Amino acid sequence: MRFRPHAQDIVAGVMFIAFAALMLYLNFESHPIGTARRMGSGYMPMLAFGLLAALGLAILISGLFTGPEPVGRFAWRDMALILGATTVFGLAVERLGFVVSISLCILIASLAEKTWKPLRVLGLTLFLLALCWAVFIWYLDIRIRLFPWSF
């Protein structure tokens, strides 16, 4: 194996590791971890951020040997649309309900895609609504209104 850095993978790996390290630090500082038998509120975030750090390390190491490629243009618009979509979901879910807020989130985030097709977005929306309903409402039994006019 020859050392041939791939800048995008190296930057992505470092970003994953840095974010995971920051979140792990904040998690350890504010939540009790507990043990595998008696999990504290910080146990699952610790596992998730640990996996994110491991993924970042794997991407970083593979990026050192996959070939030279300069870092391209940063997609500010796409990032803003995706962050905006999650923000809209968070702000709208209590007022507009589960179905409307997830639909809005998917619609806004799909605008970041270059080859936007309405039928594909509709199919994705229906699939994700069914999946989220099955996981969060049916399986986890989270009590949340489905529509603005329900409960």
N, C-alpha and C. Protein backbone atom coordinates (compact mmCIF):
# COMPACT_ATOMS: atom_id res chain seq x y z
N MET A 1 0.83 -1.19 0.00
CA MET A 1 0.00 0.00 0.00
C MET A 1 0.87 1.25 0.00
N ARG A 2 0.56 2.13 -0.90
CA ARG A 2 1.28 3.40 -0.99
C ARG A 2 0.49 4.50 -0.33
N PHE A 3 1.22 5.46 0.21
CA PHE A 3 0.59 6.63 0.81
C PHE A 3 0.15 7.55 -0.31
N ARG A 4 -1.17 7.61 -0.56
CA ARG A 4 -1.75 8.50 -1.55
C ARG A 4 -3.00 9.12 -0.93
N PRO A 5 -2.86 10.27 -0.30
CA PRO A 5 -4.00 10.83 0.45
C PRO A 5 -5.16 11.26 -0.45
N HIS A 6 -6.35 11.02 0.04
CA HIS A 6 -7.59 11.45 -0.58
C HIS A 6 -8.19 12.51 0.34
N ALA A 7 -8.09 13.76 -0.07
CA ALA A 7 -8.39 14.89 0.83
C ALA A 7 -9.81 14.86 1.36
N GLN A 8 -10.78 14.53 0.53
CA GLN A 8 -12.18 14.55 1.00
C GLN A 8 -12.41 13.51 2.09
N ASP A 9 -11.85 12.33 1.93
CA ASP A 9 -12.02 11.30 2.97
C ASP A 9 -11.29 11.68 4.25
N ILE A 10 -10.14 12.28 4.12
CA ILE A 10 -9.39 12.68 5.31
C ILE A 10 -10.14 13.76 6.07
N VAL A 11 -10.67 14.75 5.34
CA VAL A 11 -11.44 15.81 5.99
C VAL A 11 -12.70 15.24 6.64
N ALA A 12 -13.40 14.34 5.94
CA ALA A 12 -14.61 13.74 6.50
C ALA A 12 -14.29 12.93 7.75
N GLY A 13 -13.22 12.15 7.71
CA GLY A 13 -12.82 11.36 8.87
C GLY A 13 -12.48 12.22 10.06
N VAL A 14 -11.74 13.29 9.82
CA VAL A 14 -11.38 14.20 10.91
C VAL A 14 -12.62 14.88 11.48
N MET A 15 -13.56 15.27 10.62
CA MET A 15 -14.79 15.89 11.09
C MET A 15 -15.61 14.93 11.95
N PHE A 16 -15.72 13.67 11.53
CA PHE A 16 -16.45 12.68 12.31
C PHE A 16 -15.80 12.48 13.67
N ILE A 17 -14.48 12.34 13.67
CA ILE A 17 -13.77 12.11 14.92
C ILE A 17 -13.90 13.32 15.84
N ALA A 18 -13.76 14.52 15.30
CA ALA A 18 -13.85 15.74 16.12
C ALA A 18 -15.25 15.89 16.71
N PHE A 19 -16.28 15.66 15.90
CA PHE A 19 -17.65 15.77 16.41
C PHE A 19 -17.91 14.72 17.49
N ALA A 20 -17.48 13.48 17.23
CA ALA A 20 -17.68 12.41 18.20
C ALA A 20 -16.93 12.71 19.49
N ALA A 21 -15.71 13.23 19.39
CA ALA A 21 -14.93 13.55 20.59
C ALA A 21 -15.60 14.64 21.41
N LEU A 22 -16.10 15.68 20.75
CA LEU A 22 -16.80 16.76 21.45
C LEU A 22 -18.05 16.23 22.15
N MET A 23 -18.83 15.45 21.43
CA MET A 23 -20.06 14.92 22.02
C MET A 23 -19.77 13.92 23.14
N LEU A 24 -18.73 13.11 23.00
CA LEU A 24 -18.36 12.20 24.07
C LEU A 24 -17.94 12.98 25.32
N TYR A 25 -17.17 14.04 25.12
CA TYR A 25 -16.75 14.87 26.24
C TYR A 25 -17.96 15.47 26.95
N LEU A 26 -18.90 16.04 26.18
CA LEU A 26 -20.09 16.63 26.78
C LEU A 26 -20.96 15.57 27.44
N ASN A 27 -21.02 14.39 26.84
CA ASN A 27 -21.80 13.29 27.41
C ASN A 27 -21.22 12.83 28.73
N PHE A 28 -19.89 12.62 28.78
CA PHE A 28 -19.26 12.17 30.01
C PHE A 28 -19.38 13.20 31.12
N GLU A 29 -19.40 14.47 30.73
CA GLU A 29 -19.46 15.55 31.70
C GLU A 29 -20.85 15.71 32.32
N SER A 30 -21.90 15.37 31.57
CA SER A 30 -23.24 15.70 32.06
C SER A 30 -24.16 14.51 32.31
N HIS A 31 -23.83 13.31 31.83
CA HIS A 31 -24.73 12.17 31.99
C HIS A 31 -23.99 10.99 32.63
N PRO A 32 -24.61 10.31 33.55
CA PRO A 32 -23.99 9.10 34.11
C PRO A 32 -24.01 7.97 33.08
N ILE A 33 -22.90 7.26 32.94
CA ILE A 33 -22.78 6.20 31.95
C ILE A 33 -23.42 4.92 32.47
N GLY A 34 -23.09 4.54 33.69
CA GLY A 34 -23.59 3.30 34.25
C GLY A 34 -22.80 2.11 33.72
N THR A 35 -23.42 0.96 33.75
CA THR A 35 -22.78 -0.26 33.25
C THR A 35 -23.70 -0.89 32.20
N ALA A 36 -23.23 -1.96 31.59
CA ALA A 36 -24.06 -2.65 30.59
C ALA A 36 -25.31 -3.24 31.25
N ARG A 37 -25.20 -3.60 32.49
CA ARG A 37 -26.35 -4.18 33.20
C ARG A 37 -27.31 -3.10 33.69
N ARG A 38 -26.78 -1.99 34.18
CA ARG A 38 -27.59 -0.85 34.64
C ARG A 38 -27.17 0.39 33.88
N MET A 39 -27.75 0.56 32.70
CA MET A 39 -27.36 1.66 31.83
C MET A 39 -27.84 2.99 32.38
N GLY A 40 -26.94 3.97 32.34
CA GLY A 40 -27.32 5.32 32.70
C GLY A 40 -27.80 6.07 31.46
N SER A 41 -28.18 7.30 31.63
CA SER A 41 -28.69 8.08 30.50
C SER A 41 -27.62 8.41 29.47
N GLY A 42 -26.35 8.26 29.82
CA GLY A 42 -25.28 8.55 28.87
C GLY A 42 -24.71 7.32 28.19
N TYR A 43 -25.27 6.15 28.47
CA TYR A 43 -24.70 4.91 27.93
C TYR A 43 -24.90 4.80 26.41
N MET A 44 -26.13 4.97 25.93
CA MET A 44 -26.40 4.84 24.50
C MET A 44 -25.73 5.96 23.68
N PRO A 45 -25.76 7.21 24.14
CA PRO A 45 -25.00 8.22 23.39
C PRO A 45 -23.51 7.90 23.33
N MET A 46 -22.97 7.34 24.43
CA MET A 46 -21.56 6.96 24.42
C MET A 46 -21.30 5.91 23.35
N LEU A 47 -22.18 4.92 23.23
CA LEU A 47 -22.01 3.90 22.20
C LEU A 47 -22.14 4.50 20.80
N ALA A 48 -23.14 5.35 20.60
CA ALA A 48 -23.35 5.94 19.27
C ALA A 48 -22.17 6.81 18.86
N PHE A 49 -21.70 7.65 19.76
CA PHE A 49 -20.57 8.52 19.41
C PHE A 49 -19.27 7.75 19.32
N GLY A 50 -19.15 6.66 20.07
CA GLY A 50 -17.99 5.79 19.93
C GLY A 50 -17.96 5.14 18.56
N LEU A 51 -19.13 4.68 18.09
CA LEU A 51 -19.21 4.12 16.74
C LEU A 51 -18.92 5.17 15.68
N LEU A 52 -19.39 6.40 15.90
CA LEU A 52 -19.10 7.48 14.96
C LEU A 52 -17.61 7.77 14.90
N ALA A 53 -16.94 7.76 16.05
CA ALA A 53 -15.49 7.97 16.08
C ALA A 53 -14.76 6.83 15.37
N ALA A 54 -15.22 5.58 15.57
CA ALA A 54 -14.60 4.44 14.89
C ALA A 54 -14.80 4.53 13.38
N LEU A 55 -15.99 4.94 12.96
CA LEU A 55 -16.25 5.14 11.53
C LEU A 55 -15.36 6.24 10.97
N GLY A 56 -15.22 7.33 11.71
CA GLY A 56 -14.34 8.42 11.27
C GLY A 56 -12.90 7.96 11.15
N LEU A 57 -12.45 7.14 12.10
CA LEU A 57 -11.08 6.61 12.03
C LEU A 57 -10.90 5.71 10.82
N ALA A 58 -11.89 4.87 10.54
CA ALA A 58 -11.81 3.99 9.37
C ALA A 58 -11.77 4.81 8.07
N ILE A 59 -12.60 5.84 7.99
CA ILE A 59 -12.60 6.69 6.80
C ILE A 59 -11.28 7.43 6.67
N LEU A 60 -10.76 7.92 7.78
CA LEU A 60 -9.48 8.63 7.78
C LEU A 60 -8.35 7.72 7.31
N ILE A 61 -8.27 6.52 7.85
CA ILE A 61 -7.20 5.60 7.46
C ILE A 61 -7.32 5.19 6.00
N SER A 62 -8.55 4.88 5.55
CA SER A 62 -8.70 4.52 4.14
C SER A 62 -8.41 5.71 3.23
N GLY A 63 -8.70 6.91 3.71
CA GLY A 63 -8.42 8.12 2.92
C GLY A 63 -6.94 8.39 2.73
N LEU A 64 -6.11 7.80 3.55
CA LEU A 64 -4.66 7.99 3.40
C LEU A 64 -4.09 7.20 2.23
N PHE A 65 -4.84 6.22 1.72
CA PHE A 65 -4.29 5.33 0.70
C PHE A 65 -5.13 5.22 -0.56
N THR A 66 -6.18 6.01 -0.72
CA THR A 66 -7.08 5.82 -1.87
C THR A 66 -6.82 6.74 -3.04
N GLY A 67 -5.88 7.63 -2.97
CA GLY A 67 -5.53 8.42 -4.14
C GLY A 67 -5.75 9.90 -3.98
N PRO A 68 -4.98 10.66 -4.72
CA PRO A 68 -5.07 12.12 -4.59
C PRO A 68 -6.32 12.67 -5.29
N GLU A 69 -7.01 13.47 -4.56
CA GLU A 69 -8.14 14.20 -5.11
C GLU A 69 -8.35 15.44 -4.25
N PRO A 70 -8.38 16.61 -4.84
CA PRO A 70 -8.52 17.82 -4.04
C PRO A 70 -9.93 17.94 -3.45
N VAL A 71 -10.03 18.69 -2.38
CA VAL A 71 -11.33 18.95 -1.77
C VAL A 71 -12.12 19.84 -2.71
N GLY A 72 -13.32 19.43 -3.03
CA GLY A 72 -14.16 20.18 -3.96
C GLY A 72 -14.88 21.33 -3.28
N ARG A 73 -15.76 21.93 -4.04
CA ARG A 73 -16.55 23.05 -3.54
C ARG A 73 -17.49 22.55 -2.44
N PHE A 74 -17.58 23.30 -1.35
CA PHE A 74 -18.44 22.92 -0.24
C PHE A 74 -19.88 23.29 -0.58
N ALA A 75 -20.80 22.39 -0.40
CA ALA A 75 -22.20 22.58 -0.78
C ALA A 75 -22.97 23.25 0.36
N TRP A 76 -22.81 24.56 0.49
CA TRP A 76 -23.46 25.31 1.56
C TRP A 76 -24.98 25.26 1.44
N ARG A 77 -25.48 25.40 0.21
CA ARG A 77 -26.93 25.40 -0.01
C ARG A 77 -27.54 24.07 0.41
N ASP A 78 -26.91 22.98 0.00
CA ASP A 78 -27.42 21.65 0.34
C ASP A 78 -27.38 21.42 1.85
N MET A 79 -26.29 21.83 2.48
CA MET A 79 -26.19 21.67 3.93
C MET A 79 -27.26 22.51 4.64
N ALA A 80 -27.49 23.72 4.17
CA ALA A 80 -28.51 24.58 4.78
C ALA A 80 -29.91 23.98 4.61
N LEU A 81 -30.18 23.39 3.45
CA LEU A 81 -31.49 22.77 3.24
C LEU A 81 -31.70 21.57 4.17
N ILE A 82 -30.69 20.75 4.33
CA ILE A 82 -30.83 19.57 5.19
C ILE A 82 -30.95 19.97 6.65
N LEU A 83 -30.12 20.92 7.09
CA LEU A 83 -30.24 21.39 8.47
C LEU A 83 -31.57 22.11 8.70
N GLY A 84 -32.00 22.86 7.70
CA GLY A 84 -33.30 23.53 7.78
C GLY A 84 -34.44 22.53 7.86
N ALA A 85 -34.33 21.43 7.13
CA ALA A 85 -35.37 20.40 7.16
C ALA A 85 -35.50 19.80 8.55
N THR A 86 -34.38 19.49 9.18
CA THR A 86 -34.46 18.92 10.52
C THR A 86 -34.95 19.95 11.54
N THR A 87 -34.61 21.20 11.34
CA THR A 87 -35.10 22.26 12.22
C THR A 87 -36.61 22.42 12.08
N VAL A 88 -37.09 22.42 10.84
CA VAL A 88 -38.53 22.53 10.61
C VAL A 88 -39.25 21.36 11.25
N PHE A 89 -38.69 20.15 11.11
CA PHE A 89 -39.32 18.99 11.76
C PHE A 89 -39.41 19.19 13.27
N GLY A 90 -38.30 19.60 13.88
CA GLY A 90 -38.29 19.77 15.32
C GLY A 90 -39.27 20.83 15.80
N LEU A 91 -39.41 21.91 15.04
CA LEU A 91 -40.32 22.98 15.44
C LEU A 91 -41.78 22.66 15.12
N ALA A 92 -42.02 21.83 14.10
CA ALA A 92 -43.38 21.61 13.63
C ALA A 92 -44.04 20.36 14.19
N VAL A 93 -43.28 19.43 14.73
CA VAL A 93 -43.86 18.13 15.08
C VAL A 93 -44.95 18.23 16.14
N GLU A 94 -44.83 19.10 17.10
CA GLU A 94 -45.87 19.22 18.13
C GLU A 94 -47.10 19.96 17.62
N ARG A 95 -46.91 20.94 16.77
CA ARG A 95 -48.03 21.75 16.30
C ARG A 95 -48.75 21.12 15.11
N LEU A 96 -47.96 20.61 14.13
CA LEU A 96 -48.55 20.11 12.89
C LEU A 96 -48.75 18.60 12.88
N GLY A 97 -48.17 17.91 13.82
CA GLY A 97 -48.33 16.48 13.87
C GLY A 97 -47.22 15.74 13.13
N PHE A 98 -47.22 14.44 13.34
CA PHE A 98 -46.19 13.54 12.84
C PHE A 98 -46.14 13.49 11.32
N VAL A 99 -47.28 13.29 10.68
CA VAL A 99 -47.33 13.10 9.23
C VAL A 99 -46.92 14.37 8.49
N VAL A 100 -47.47 15.50 8.87
CA VAL A 100 -47.18 16.76 8.19
C VAL A 100 -45.72 17.17 8.40
N SER A 101 -45.21 17.03 9.62
CA SER A 101 -43.84 17.47 9.89
C SER A 101 -42.81 16.58 9.19
N ILE A 102 -43.03 15.28 9.16
CA ILE A 102 -42.10 14.40 8.42
C ILE A 102 -42.18 14.68 6.93
N SER A 103 -43.36 14.91 6.42
CA SER A 103 -43.52 15.23 4.99
C SER A 103 -42.79 16.52 4.64
N LEU A 104 -42.94 17.54 5.49
CA LEU A 104 -42.22 18.80 5.26
C LEU A 104 -40.71 18.60 5.31
N CYS A 105 -40.26 17.82 6.28
CA CYS A 105 -38.83 17.55 6.43
C CYS A 105 -38.27 16.89 5.17
N ILE A 106 -38.96 15.89 4.66
CA ILE A 106 -38.49 15.18 3.47
C ILE A 106 -38.54 16.10 2.25
N LEU A 107 -39.59 16.87 2.12
CA LEU A 107 -39.71 17.78 0.97
C LEU A 107 -38.59 18.81 0.96
N ILE A 108 -38.30 19.42 2.08
CA ILE A 108 -37.24 20.43 2.15
C ILE A 108 -35.88 19.80 1.91
N ALA A 109 -35.61 18.65 2.53
CA ALA A 109 -34.31 17.99 2.35
C ALA A 109 -34.13 17.50 0.92
N SER A 110 -35.21 17.10 0.27
CA SER A 110 -35.09 16.60 -1.10
C SER A 110 -34.72 17.70 -2.09
N LEU A 111 -34.94 18.95 -1.71
CA LEU A 111 -34.54 20.05 -2.60
C LEU A 111 -33.02 20.15 -2.74
N ALA A 112 -32.29 19.51 -1.85
CA ALA A 112 -30.83 19.50 -1.93
C ALA A 112 -30.33 18.56 -3.02
N GLU A 113 -31.19 17.65 -3.49
CA GLU A 113 -30.79 16.71 -4.52
C GLU A 113 -30.80 17.40 -5.88
N LYS A 114 -29.78 17.11 -6.68
CA LYS A 114 -29.67 17.75 -8.00
C LYS A 114 -30.72 17.24 -8.98
N THR A 115 -31.02 15.94 -8.92
CA THR A 115 -32.00 15.35 -9.85
C THR A 115 -33.31 15.12 -9.11
N TRP A 116 -33.95 16.19 -8.73
CA TRP A 116 -35.18 16.15 -7.95
C TRP A 116 -36.33 15.70 -8.83
N LYS A 117 -37.03 14.64 -8.41
CA LYS A 117 -38.19 14.15 -9.16
C LYS A 117 -39.36 14.00 -8.18
N PRO A 118 -40.49 14.62 -8.48
CA PRO A 118 -41.63 14.61 -7.55
C PRO A 118 -42.13 13.20 -7.21
N LEU A 119 -42.17 12.30 -8.18
CA LEU A 119 -42.67 10.95 -7.92
C LEU A 119 -41.74 10.19 -6.98
N ARG A 120 -40.44 10.39 -7.16
CA ARG A 120 -39.47 9.75 -6.27
C ARG A 120 -39.61 10.28 -4.84
N VAL A 121 -39.80 11.60 -4.71
CA VAL A 121 -39.96 12.20 -3.38
C VAL A 121 -41.26 11.71 -2.73
N LEU A 122 -42.32 11.56 -3.51
CA LEU A 122 -43.58 11.05 -2.97
C LEU A 122 -43.40 9.62 -2.47
N GLY A 123 -42.75 8.78 -3.26
CA GLY A 123 -42.50 7.41 -2.83
C GLY A 123 -41.65 7.34 -1.58
N LEU A 124 -40.59 8.17 -1.54
CA LEU A 124 -39.74 8.22 -0.35
C LEU A 124 -40.52 8.68 0.87
N THR A 125 -41.38 9.67 0.68
CA THR A 125 -42.18 10.19 1.79
C THR A 125 -43.12 9.13 2.33
N LEU A 126 -43.80 8.42 1.44
CA LEU A 126 -44.72 7.37 1.89
C LEU A 126 -43.97 6.24 2.60
N PHE A 127 -42.83 5.84 2.07
CA PHE A 127 -42.04 4.78 2.70
C PHE A 127 -41.55 5.22 4.08
N LEU A 128 -41.00 6.44 4.18
CA LEU A 128 -40.48 6.90 5.47
C LEU A 128 -41.59 7.16 6.48
N LEU A 129 -42.75 7.61 6.02
CA LEU A 129 -43.88 7.77 6.94
C LEU A 129 -44.28 6.42 7.53
N ALA A 130 -44.36 5.40 6.68
CA ALA A 130 -44.72 4.07 7.16
C ALA A 130 -43.64 3.52 8.11
N LEU A 131 -42.39 3.70 7.75
CA LEU A 131 -41.30 3.21 8.59
C LEU A 131 -41.27 3.93 9.93
N CYS A 132 -41.36 5.25 9.91
CA CYS A 132 -41.33 6.03 11.16
C CYS A 132 -42.55 5.72 12.02
N TRP A 133 -43.71 5.53 11.40
CA TRP A 133 -44.88 5.16 12.18
C TRP A 133 -44.66 3.80 12.84
N ALA A 134 -44.15 2.84 12.08
CA ALA A 134 -43.94 1.49 12.63
C ALA A 134 -42.94 1.51 13.78
N VAL A 135 -41.86 2.26 13.62
CA VAL A 135 -40.82 2.27 14.65
C VAL A 135 -41.24 3.11 15.85
N PHE A 136 -41.63 4.34 15.64
CA PHE A 136 -41.83 5.26 16.75
C PHE A 136 -43.21 5.17 17.40
N ILE A 137 -44.24 5.02 16.62
CA ILE A 137 -45.58 5.04 17.18
C ILE A 137 -46.04 3.63 17.56
N TRP A 138 -45.84 2.67 16.66
CA TRP A 138 -46.30 1.32 16.96
C TRP A 138 -45.35 0.58 17.89
N TYR A 139 -44.05 0.51 17.54
CA TYR A 139 -43.12 -0.30 18.32
C TYR A 139 -42.69 0.38 19.62
N LEU A 140 -42.25 1.64 19.54
CA LEU A 140 -41.78 2.34 20.74
C LEU A 140 -42.91 2.99 21.54
N ASP A 141 -44.11 3.03 20.96
CA ASP A 141 -45.30 3.55 21.62
C ASP A 141 -45.12 5.00 22.08
N ILE A 142 -44.55 5.82 21.22
CA ILE A 142 -44.39 7.24 21.51
C ILE A 142 -45.73 7.93 21.24
N ARG A 143 -46.21 8.65 22.22
CA ARG A 143 -47.50 9.33 22.10
C ARG A 143 -47.29 10.69 21.45
N ILE A 144 -47.70 10.77 20.20
CA ILE A 144 -47.58 12.02 19.46
C ILE A 144 -48.75 12.10 18.49
N ARG A 145 -49.24 13.28 18.28
CA ARG A 145 -50.37 13.42 17.37
C ARG A 145 -49.94 13.13 15.94
N LEU A 146 -50.80 12.48 15.16
CA LEU A 146 -50.48 12.15 13.77
C LEU A 146 -50.72 13.34 12.86
N PHE A 147 -51.82 14.06 13.09
CA PHE A 147 -52.20 15.20 12.25
C PHE A 147 -52.47 16.39 13.16
N PRO A 148 -52.53 17.60 12.60
CA PRO A 148 -52.80 18.78 13.46
C PRO A 148 -54.14 18.70 14.18
N TRP A 149 -55.11 18.02 13.60
CA TRP A 149 -56.44 17.97 14.18
C TRP A 149 -56.67 16.75 15.09
N SER A 150 -55.65 15.86 15.19
CA SER A 150 -55.85 14.67 16.02
C SER A 150 -55.47 14.93 17.47
N PHE A 151 -55.98 14.14 18.37
CA PHE A 151 -55.99 14.21 19.82
C PHE A 151 -55.90 15.57 20.33
